Amino acid sequence: MHLRQIISKNRQWGIALLVAMMVCLGACAPKHTSYSYSCDLPEDGWMQNTPVTLQTQYADSSITYDITIFVRHSASYPYANLNLVLDFISSKGHVDRKILNFTIADQFGNFKGGGFGDYYQRSQTVLSNVKPQDVHQVVAWQAMKGSHTLVGLHNLGITISPHEQ
């Protein structure tokens, strides 16, 4: 056998092996992905009577999901917590209301969650094992007693991830 024949034959095997690897990797790739959506809050503050609507999106309607709410804030946020009223609206219009108390800082004023510089992010799972038709939209209201307008908040958002069994 000549050298050209050997190289040509090995090239065919190499291409076949590459195609087989791509098929295997495609079969092993996760089929369910997460979704994240956030809304910018007004720079001059988030007023109590102003709702924030968080859109939902699901990659696969045959599985269940976990819903996490997150808030991004600066070091100028004056409170240790954030009270939210969350309305979970189903595809049929049914509303399920939940009150959430985010702990933003510890008793010494140290901000919890991740961040860098002057900005921090805190998240909390609010619903678990949810069917996509049960939560079509989330409407959030700030519910801090004695504070009509909250300053120092930058974003409010939602992350929807496949529920881990």
N, C-alpha and C. Protein backbone atom coordinates (compact mmCIF):
# COMPACT_ATOMS: atom_id res chain seq x y z
N MET A 1 0.85 -1.17 0.00
CA MET A 1 0.00 0.00 0.00
C MET A 1 0.89 1.24 0.00
N HIS A 2 0.56 2.18 -0.81
CA HIS A 2 1.33 3.41 -0.89
C HIS A 2 0.95 4.36 0.24
N LEU A 3 1.84 5.31 0.53
CA LEU A 3 1.63 6.28 1.61
C LEU A 3 0.36 7.11 1.37
N ARG A 4 0.10 7.47 0.12
CA ARG A 4 -1.11 8.26 -0.18
C ARG A 4 -2.37 7.48 0.16
N GLN A 5 -2.40 6.21 -0.10
CA GLN A 5 -3.56 5.39 0.21
C GLN A 5 -3.78 5.30 1.72
N ILE A 6 -2.68 5.17 2.48
CA ILE A 6 -2.78 5.09 3.93
C ILE A 6 -3.33 6.39 4.50
N ILE A 7 -2.79 7.53 4.02
CA ILE A 7 -3.26 8.85 4.50
C ILE A 7 -4.72 9.04 4.12
N SER A 8 -5.09 8.70 2.92
CA SER A 8 -6.47 8.85 2.46
C SER A 8 -7.41 7.99 3.30
N LYS A 9 -7.01 6.76 3.59
CA LYS A 9 -7.84 5.86 4.38
C LYS A 9 -7.97 6.38 5.81
N ASN A 10 -6.89 6.87 6.42
CA ASN A 10 -6.94 7.41 7.78
C ASN A 10 -7.77 8.69 7.85
N ARG A 11 -7.74 9.49 6.81
CA ARG A 11 -8.54 10.71 6.78
C ARG A 11 -10.03 10.35 6.81
N GLN A 12 -10.42 9.33 6.09
CA GLN A 12 -11.83 8.91 6.09
C GLN A 12 -12.23 8.45 7.49
N TRP A 13 -11.33 7.69 8.16
CA TRP A 13 -11.62 7.25 9.52
C TRP A 13 -11.69 8.44 10.47
N GLY A 14 -10.81 9.41 10.27
CA GLY A 14 -10.80 10.61 11.11
C GLY A 14 -12.09 11.41 10.97
N ILE A 15 -12.56 11.56 9.75
CA ILE A 15 -13.82 12.27 9.51
C ILE A 15 -14.98 11.49 10.12
N ALA A 16 -14.99 10.18 9.96
CA ALA A 16 -16.05 9.35 10.53
C ALA A 16 -16.05 9.46 12.06
N LEU A 17 -14.85 9.45 12.66
CA LEU A 17 -14.75 9.57 14.11
C LEU A 17 -15.24 10.95 14.57
N LEU A 18 -14.90 12.01 13.85
CA LEU A 18 -15.34 13.36 14.18
C LEU A 18 -16.86 13.47 14.12
N VAL A 19 -17.47 12.93 13.09
CA VAL A 19 -18.93 12.95 12.96
C VAL A 19 -19.57 12.18 14.11
N ALA A 20 -19.02 11.03 14.45
CA ALA A 20 -19.57 10.23 15.56
C ALA A 20 -19.48 10.99 16.87
N MET A 21 -18.37 11.69 17.10
CA MET A 21 -18.22 12.47 18.33
C MET A 21 -19.24 13.61 18.39
N MET A 22 -19.47 14.27 17.27
CA MET A 22 -20.44 15.37 17.24
C MET A 22 -21.85 14.86 17.53
N VAL A 23 -22.19 13.70 17.00
CA VAL A 23 -23.51 13.12 17.26
C VAL A 23 -23.64 12.79 18.75
N CYS A 24 -22.60 12.20 19.33
CA CYS A 24 -22.64 11.86 20.76
C CYS A 24 -22.75 13.10 21.63
N LEU A 25 -21.98 14.12 21.32
CA LEU A 25 -22.04 15.36 22.11
C LEU A 25 -23.41 16.02 21.98
N GLY A 26 -23.99 15.99 20.81
CA GLY A 26 -25.34 16.56 20.61
C GLY A 26 -26.38 15.80 21.41
N ALA A 27 -26.22 14.50 21.51
CA ALA A 27 -27.17 13.69 22.27
C ALA A 27 -27.02 13.92 23.76
N CYS A 28 -25.81 14.30 24.21
CA CYS A 28 -25.56 14.51 25.63
C CYS A 28 -25.85 15.94 26.06
N ALA A 29 -26.08 16.84 25.14
CA ALA A 29 -26.32 18.25 25.48
C ALA A 29 -27.63 18.38 26.26
N PRO A 30 -27.66 19.30 27.23
CA PRO A 30 -28.90 19.48 27.99
C PRO A 30 -30.01 19.97 27.08
N LYS A 31 -31.19 19.41 27.26
CA LYS A 31 -32.32 19.76 26.41
C LYS A 31 -33.18 20.83 27.05
N HIS A 32 -33.00 21.08 28.32
CA HIS A 32 -33.82 22.04 29.04
C HIS A 32 -32.93 23.18 29.50
N THR A 33 -33.26 24.38 29.11
CA THR A 33 -32.43 25.52 29.45
C THR A 33 -33.16 26.46 30.40
N SER A 34 -32.38 27.29 31.06
CA SER A 34 -32.93 28.30 31.96
C SER A 34 -33.24 29.57 31.19
N TYR A 35 -34.09 30.39 31.78
CA TYR A 35 -34.51 31.66 31.20
C TYR A 35 -34.38 32.72 32.26
N SER A 36 -33.89 33.89 31.88
CA SER A 36 -33.76 34.98 32.84
C SER A 36 -34.27 36.27 32.19
N TYR A 37 -34.98 37.06 32.98
CA TYR A 37 -35.55 38.31 32.49
C TYR A 37 -35.50 39.32 33.63
N SER A 38 -35.10 40.56 33.33
CA SER A 38 -35.09 41.58 34.38
C SER A 38 -35.61 42.91 33.85
N CYS A 39 -36.10 43.70 34.78
CA CYS A 39 -36.60 45.04 34.47
C CYS A 39 -35.76 46.06 35.21
N ASP A 40 -35.42 47.14 34.52
CA ASP A 40 -34.74 48.25 35.18
C ASP A 40 -35.76 48.98 36.04
N LEU A 41 -35.37 49.34 37.25
CA LEU A 41 -36.23 50.12 38.13
C LEU A 41 -35.89 51.59 37.95
N PRO A 42 -36.85 52.49 38.19
CA PRO A 42 -36.59 53.92 37.99
C PRO A 42 -35.44 54.42 38.86
N GLU A 43 -34.60 55.27 38.29
CA GLU A 43 -33.46 55.82 39.02
C GLU A 43 -33.90 56.66 40.21
N ASP A 44 -35.04 57.33 40.07
CA ASP A 44 -35.52 58.18 41.17
C ASP A 44 -36.31 57.39 42.21
N GLY A 45 -36.37 56.06 42.08
CA GLY A 45 -36.99 55.21 43.09
C GLY A 45 -38.19 54.43 42.58
N TRP A 46 -38.44 53.31 43.23
CA TRP A 46 -39.57 52.43 42.90
C TRP A 46 -40.71 52.75 43.85
N MET A 47 -41.79 53.26 43.30
CA MET A 47 -42.95 53.65 44.10
C MET A 47 -43.83 52.45 44.42
N GLN A 48 -44.50 52.50 45.58
CA GLN A 48 -45.34 51.38 46.03
C GLN A 48 -46.46 51.05 45.05
N ASN A 49 -47.03 52.02 44.42
CA ASN A 49 -48.19 51.75 43.55
C ASN A 49 -47.80 51.48 42.10
N THR A 50 -46.52 51.19 41.86
CA THR A 50 -46.05 50.92 40.50
C THR A 50 -45.63 49.46 40.38
N PRO A 51 -46.42 48.65 39.68
CA PRO A 51 -46.06 47.23 39.54
C PRO A 51 -44.94 47.03 38.53
N VAL A 52 -44.21 45.94 38.71
CA VAL A 52 -43.19 45.51 37.75
C VAL A 52 -43.65 44.16 37.21
N THR A 53 -43.81 44.07 35.91
CA THR A 53 -44.27 42.83 35.28
C THR A 53 -43.06 42.06 34.76
N LEU A 54 -42.94 40.82 35.22
CA LEU A 54 -41.83 39.95 34.83
C LEU A 54 -42.37 38.87 33.90
N GLN A 55 -41.84 38.83 32.71
CA GLN A 55 -42.28 37.87 31.71
C GLN A 55 -41.67 36.50 31.98
N THR A 56 -42.44 35.47 31.71
CA THR A 56 -41.94 34.10 31.85
C THR A 56 -41.76 33.48 30.48
N GLN A 57 -40.88 32.50 30.43
CA GLN A 57 -40.67 31.74 29.20
C GLN A 57 -40.15 30.37 29.60
N TYR A 58 -40.70 29.36 28.97
CA TYR A 58 -40.33 27.98 29.29
C TYR A 58 -39.84 27.28 28.03
N ALA A 59 -38.76 26.53 28.16
CA ALA A 59 -38.19 25.84 27.01
C ALA A 59 -38.98 24.59 26.64
N ASP A 60 -39.63 23.96 27.62
CA ASP A 60 -40.31 22.69 27.39
C ASP A 60 -41.55 22.64 28.29
N SER A 61 -42.70 22.54 27.71
CA SER A 61 -43.94 22.55 28.50
C SER A 61 -44.22 21.21 29.18
N SER A 62 -43.39 20.20 28.94
CA SER A 62 -43.66 18.88 29.52
C SER A 62 -42.92 18.64 30.84
N ILE A 63 -42.09 19.61 31.26
CA ILE A 63 -41.36 19.44 32.52
C ILE A 63 -41.78 20.55 33.50
N THR A 64 -41.29 20.46 34.74
CA THR A 64 -41.59 21.49 35.73
C THR A 64 -40.35 22.34 35.99
N TYR A 65 -40.60 23.51 36.58
CA TYR A 65 -39.55 24.50 36.74
C TYR A 65 -39.52 25.08 38.15
N ASP A 66 -38.38 25.69 38.50
CA ASP A 66 -38.24 26.47 39.72
C ASP A 66 -38.17 27.94 39.30
N ILE A 67 -38.82 28.81 40.07
CA ILE A 67 -38.84 30.24 39.78
C ILE A 67 -38.10 30.97 40.89
N THR A 68 -37.11 31.75 40.49
CA THR A 68 -36.29 32.52 41.40
C THR A 68 -36.44 34.01 41.08
N ILE A 69 -36.61 34.81 42.12
CA ILE A 69 -36.67 36.25 41.97
C ILE A 69 -35.31 36.80 42.39
N PHE A 70 -34.80 37.79 41.64
CA PHE A 70 -33.54 38.42 42.05
C PHE A 70 -33.68 39.94 42.00
N VAL A 71 -32.89 40.58 42.85
CA VAL A 71 -32.86 42.04 42.90
C VAL A 71 -31.40 42.49 42.87
N ARG A 72 -31.15 43.53 42.09
CA ARG A 72 -29.82 44.15 42.05
C ARG A 72 -29.95 45.52 42.70
N HIS A 73 -29.02 45.81 43.61
CA HIS A 73 -29.10 47.07 44.34
C HIS A 73 -27.69 47.62 44.55
N SER A 74 -27.64 48.87 44.95
CA SER A 74 -26.36 49.49 45.26
C SER A 74 -26.18 49.57 46.77
N ALA A 75 -25.00 49.99 47.18
CA ALA A 75 -24.72 50.15 48.60
C ALA A 75 -25.55 51.27 49.22
N SER A 76 -26.18 52.09 48.38
CA SER A 76 -27.02 53.19 48.91
C SER A 76 -28.42 52.72 49.31
N TYR A 77 -28.74 51.43 49.07
CA TYR A 77 -30.04 50.92 49.50
C TYR A 77 -30.10 51.01 51.03
N PRO A 78 -31.11 51.72 51.59
CA PRO A 78 -31.07 52.05 53.02
C PRO A 78 -31.61 51.01 53.99
N TYR A 79 -32.12 49.89 53.51
CA TYR A 79 -32.77 48.92 54.40
C TYR A 79 -32.04 47.58 54.41
N ALA A 80 -32.32 46.78 55.43
CA ALA A 80 -31.73 45.44 55.53
C ALA A 80 -32.59 44.39 54.83
N ASN A 81 -33.79 44.78 54.40
CA ASN A 81 -34.67 43.83 53.73
C ASN A 81 -35.44 44.52 52.62
N LEU A 82 -36.18 43.72 51.89
CA LEU A 82 -37.07 44.22 50.83
C LEU A 82 -38.31 43.36 50.85
N ASN A 83 -39.45 43.98 51.13
CA ASN A 83 -40.72 43.26 51.12
C ASN A 83 -41.37 43.41 49.75
N LEU A 84 -41.77 42.27 49.19
CA LEU A 84 -42.43 42.25 47.88
C LEU A 84 -43.75 41.51 47.97
N VAL A 85 -44.72 41.97 47.22
CA VAL A 85 -45.95 41.22 46.98
C VAL A 85 -45.82 40.71 45.55
N LEU A 86 -45.93 39.40 45.38
CA LEU A 86 -45.78 38.77 44.08
C LEU A 86 -47.10 38.13 43.67
N ASP A 87 -47.59 38.51 42.51
CA ASP A 87 -48.79 37.90 41.93
C ASP A 87 -48.36 36.97 40.80
N PHE A 88 -48.60 35.68 40.98
CA PHE A 88 -48.29 34.68 39.97
C PHE A 88 -49.57 34.42 39.18
N ILE A 89 -49.57 34.78 37.91
CA ILE A 89 -50.77 34.72 37.09
C ILE A 89 -50.65 33.53 36.14
N SER A 90 -51.66 32.64 36.19
CA SER A 90 -51.64 31.45 35.34
C SER A 90 -52.10 31.81 33.93
N SER A 91 -51.95 30.86 33.02
CA SER A 91 -52.39 31.09 31.63
C SER A 91 -53.91 31.23 31.54
N LYS A 92 -54.64 30.77 32.57
CA LYS A 92 -56.09 30.92 32.59
C LYS A 92 -56.54 32.15 33.37
N GLY A 93 -55.59 32.96 33.87
CA GLY A 93 -55.93 34.19 34.58
C GLY A 93 -56.05 34.05 36.08
N HIS A 94 -55.83 32.86 36.63
CA HIS A 94 -55.89 32.67 38.08
C HIS A 94 -54.68 33.36 38.72
N VAL A 95 -54.90 34.08 39.83
CA VAL A 95 -53.83 34.79 40.51
C VAL A 95 -53.55 34.13 41.85
N ASP A 96 -52.28 33.80 42.06
CA ASP A 96 -51.82 33.26 43.34
C ASP A 96 -50.86 34.29 43.91
N ARG A 97 -51.19 34.87 45.07
CA ARG A 97 -50.39 35.94 45.67
C ARG A 97 -49.48 35.38 46.75
N LYS A 98 -48.25 35.89 46.76
CA LYS A 98 -47.26 35.48 47.75
C LYS A 98 -46.53 36.73 48.24
N ILE A 99 -46.27 36.79 49.54
CA ILE A 99 -45.50 37.88 50.11
C ILE A 99 -44.09 37.36 50.37
N LEU A 100 -43.11 38.10 49.90
CA LEU A 100 -41.72 37.70 50.01
C LEU A 100 -40.94 38.74 50.78
N ASN A 101 -40.20 38.31 51.78
CA ASN A 101 -39.32 39.18 52.53
C ASN A 101 -37.88 38.80 52.20
N PHE A 102 -37.26 39.59 51.34
CA PHE A 102 -35.86 39.41 50.98
C PHE A 102 -35.00 39.95 52.10
N THR A 103 -34.04 39.18 52.55
CA THR A 103 -33.05 39.70 53.48
C THR A 103 -31.90 40.23 52.63
N ILE A 104 -31.68 41.54 52.68
CA ILE A 104 -30.66 42.18 51.86
C ILE A 104 -29.33 42.28 52.61
N ALA A 105 -29.40 42.54 53.92
CA ALA A 105 -28.18 42.72 54.71
C ALA A 105 -28.34 42.01 56.06
N ASP A 106 -27.21 41.68 56.67
CA ASP A 106 -27.26 41.05 57.99
C ASP A 106 -27.46 42.12 59.07
N GLN A 107 -27.46 41.70 60.33
CA GLN A 107 -27.73 42.62 61.44
C GLN A 107 -26.65 43.70 61.59
N PHE A 108 -25.50 43.51 60.97
CA PHE A 108 -24.42 44.49 61.05
C PHE A 108 -24.37 45.40 59.82
N GLY A 109 -25.32 45.21 58.90
CA GLY A 109 -25.36 46.05 57.70
C GLY A 109 -24.53 45.54 56.55
N ASN A 110 -24.00 44.33 56.65
CA ASN A 110 -23.23 43.73 55.55
C ASN A 110 -24.20 43.13 54.53
N PHE A 111 -24.06 43.55 53.28
CA PHE A 111 -24.96 43.06 52.24
C PHE A 111 -24.71 41.59 51.96
N LYS A 112 -25.79 40.85 51.79
CA LYS A 112 -25.72 39.43 51.43
C LYS A 112 -25.77 39.31 49.91
N GLY A 113 -25.51 38.14 49.43
CA GLY A 113 -25.54 37.93 47.99
C GLY A 113 -24.21 38.27 47.36
N GLY A 114 -24.17 38.16 46.05
CA GLY A 114 -22.94 38.42 45.33
C GLY A 114 -22.89 39.83 44.81
N GLY A 115 -21.74 40.23 44.36
CA GLY A 115 -21.61 41.55 43.77
C GLY A 115 -20.18 41.99 43.70
N PHE A 116 -20.02 43.16 43.15
CA PHE A 116 -18.69 43.75 43.09
C PHE A 116 -18.86 45.26 43.15
N GLY A 117 -17.85 45.91 43.71
CA GLY A 117 -17.90 47.36 43.84
C GLY A 117 -19.10 47.78 44.66
N ASP A 118 -19.89 48.66 44.10
CA ASP A 118 -21.05 49.25 44.78
C ASP A 118 -22.34 48.48 44.48
N TYR A 119 -22.29 47.43 43.65
CA TYR A 119 -23.50 46.73 43.22
C TYR A 119 -23.55 45.31 43.76
N TYR A 120 -24.76 44.91 44.15
CA TYR A 120 -24.98 43.58 44.74
C TYR A 120 -26.19 42.95 44.09
N GLN A 121 -26.23 41.62 44.12
CA GLN A 121 -27.41 40.89 43.65
C GLN A 121 -27.77 39.84 44.68
N ARG A 122 -29.04 39.78 44.97
CA ARG A 122 -29.58 38.81 45.93
C ARG A 122 -30.70 38.07 45.22
N SER A 123 -30.77 36.76 45.39
CA SER A 123 -31.83 35.98 44.75
C SER A 123 -32.43 35.01 45.75
N GLN A 124 -33.67 34.63 45.45
CA GLN A 124 -34.38 33.68 46.31
C GLN A 124 -35.38 32.90 45.47
N THR A 125 -35.35 31.57 45.61
CA THR A 125 -36.33 30.73 44.93
C THR A 125 -37.67 30.91 45.62
N VAL A 126 -38.70 31.23 44.83
CA VAL A 126 -40.02 31.51 45.40
C VAL A 126 -41.05 30.42 45.09
N LEU A 127 -40.85 29.69 44.01
CA LEU A 127 -41.73 28.57 43.66
C LEU A 127 -40.87 27.44 43.13
N SER A 128 -41.28 26.22 43.45
CA SER A 128 -40.53 25.06 43.01
C SER A 128 -41.47 24.03 42.39
N ASN A 129 -40.99 23.34 41.38
CA ASN A 129 -41.75 22.26 40.74
C ASN A 129 -43.05 22.79 40.11
N VAL A 130 -42.94 23.90 39.36
CA VAL A 130 -44.08 24.59 38.77
C VAL A 130 -44.30 24.13 37.33
N LYS A 131 -45.55 23.90 36.98
CA LYS A 131 -45.91 23.59 35.60
C LYS A 131 -45.99 24.91 34.82
N PRO A 132 -45.53 24.95 33.58
CA PRO A 132 -45.52 26.20 32.81
C PRO A 132 -46.88 26.90 32.73
N GLN A 133 -47.97 26.16 32.63
CA GLN A 133 -49.29 26.79 32.53
C GLN A 133 -49.73 27.43 33.85
N ASP A 134 -49.08 27.06 34.96
CA ASP A 134 -49.47 27.61 36.26
C ASP A 134 -48.93 29.02 36.50
N VAL A 135 -47.85 29.39 35.84
CA VAL A 135 -47.30 30.75 35.99
C VAL A 135 -46.95 31.28 34.60
N HIS A 136 -47.83 32.13 34.11
CA HIS A 136 -47.66 32.73 32.79
C HIS A 136 -46.97 34.09 32.91
N GLN A 137 -47.16 34.74 34.06
CA GLN A 137 -46.63 36.08 34.27
C GLN A 137 -46.49 36.32 35.77
N VAL A 138 -45.51 37.12 36.16
CA VAL A 138 -45.33 37.49 37.56
C VAL A 138 -45.38 39.01 37.65
N VAL A 139 -46.23 39.51 38.55
CA VAL A 139 -46.31 40.96 38.78
C VAL A 139 -45.83 41.21 40.21
N ALA A 140 -44.85 42.11 40.34
CA ALA A 140 -44.24 42.40 41.64
C ALA A 140 -44.57 43.83 42.06
N TRP A 141 -44.83 43.98 43.35
CA TRP A 141 -45.10 45.28 43.97
C TRP A 141 -44.17 45.43 45.16
N GLN A 142 -43.58 46.60 45.34
CA GLN A 142 -42.78 46.80 46.54
C GLN A 142 -43.73 47.13 47.67
N ALA A 143 -43.48 46.54 48.83
CA ALA A 143 -44.41 46.65 49.95
C ALA A 143 -43.70 47.03 51.25
N MET A 144 -42.78 47.97 51.16
CA MET A 144 -42.06 48.41 52.35
C MET A 144 -42.91 49.41 53.12
N LYS A 145 -43.27 49.05 54.34
CA LYS A 145 -44.08 49.95 55.17
C LYS A 145 -43.28 51.20 55.51
N GLY A 146 -43.93 52.34 55.40
CA GLY A 146 -43.30 53.61 55.74
C GLY A 146 -42.36 54.15 54.67
N SER A 147 -42.27 53.49 53.54
CA SER A 147 -41.41 53.98 52.46
C SER A 147 -42.18 53.94 51.15
N HIS A 148 -42.71 55.09 50.78
CA HIS A 148 -43.50 55.17 49.55
C HIS A 148 -42.64 54.93 48.32
N THR A 149 -41.38 55.40 48.35
CA THR A 149 -40.48 55.26 47.21
C THR A 149 -39.14 54.70 47.69
N LEU A 150 -38.72 53.60 47.06
CA LEU A 150 -37.44 52.96 47.42
C LEU A 150 -36.35 53.40 46.46
N VAL A 151 -35.23 53.84 47.01
CA VAL A 151 -34.07 54.21 46.18
C VAL A 151 -32.97 53.18 46.41
N GLY A 152 -32.04 53.13 45.47
CA GLY A 152 -30.92 52.21 45.59
C GLY A 152 -31.15 50.85 44.96
N LEU A 153 -32.34 50.63 44.41
CA LEU A 153 -32.63 49.39 43.68
C LEU A 153 -32.46 49.65 42.19
N HIS A 154 -31.82 48.73 41.48
CA HIS A 154 -31.56 48.94 40.06
C HIS A 154 -32.36 48.02 39.15
N ASN A 155 -32.47 46.75 39.52
CA ASN A 155 -33.18 45.78 38.68
C ASN A 155 -33.96 44.81 39.54
N LEU A 156 -35.06 44.34 38.99
CA LEU A 156 -35.82 43.24 39.57
C LEU A 156 -35.98 42.23 38.46
N GLY A 157 -35.74 40.96 38.77
CA GLY A 157 -35.79 39.98 37.70
C GLY A 157 -36.25 38.62 38.15
N ILE A 158 -36.33 37.74 37.17
CA ILE A 158 -36.81 36.38 37.38
C ILE A 158 -35.90 35.42 36.62
N THR A 159 -35.65 34.28 37.23
CA THR A 159 -34.93 33.19 36.56
C THR A 159 -35.81 31.96 36.64
N ILE A 160 -35.99 31.30 35.52
CA ILE A 160 -36.80 30.08 35.45
C ILE A 160 -35.88 28.95 35.00
N SER A 161 -35.73 27.97 35.88
CA SER A 161 -34.80 26.86 35.63
C SER A 161 -35.53 25.53 35.75
N PRO A 162 -35.13 24.54 34.96
CA PRO A 162 -35.74 23.22 35.10
C PRO A 162 -35.59 22.70 36.53
N HIS A 163 -36.67 22.12 37.05
CA HIS A 163 -36.65 21.57 38.40
C HIS A 163 -35.79 20.32 38.43
N GLU A 164 -34.88 20.27 39.39
CA GLU A 164 -34.02 19.10 39.56
C GLU A 164 -34.74 18.10 40.44
N GLN A 165 -34.85 16.88 40.00
CA GLN A 165 -35.55 15.84 40.78
C GLN A 165 -34.71 15.37 41.93
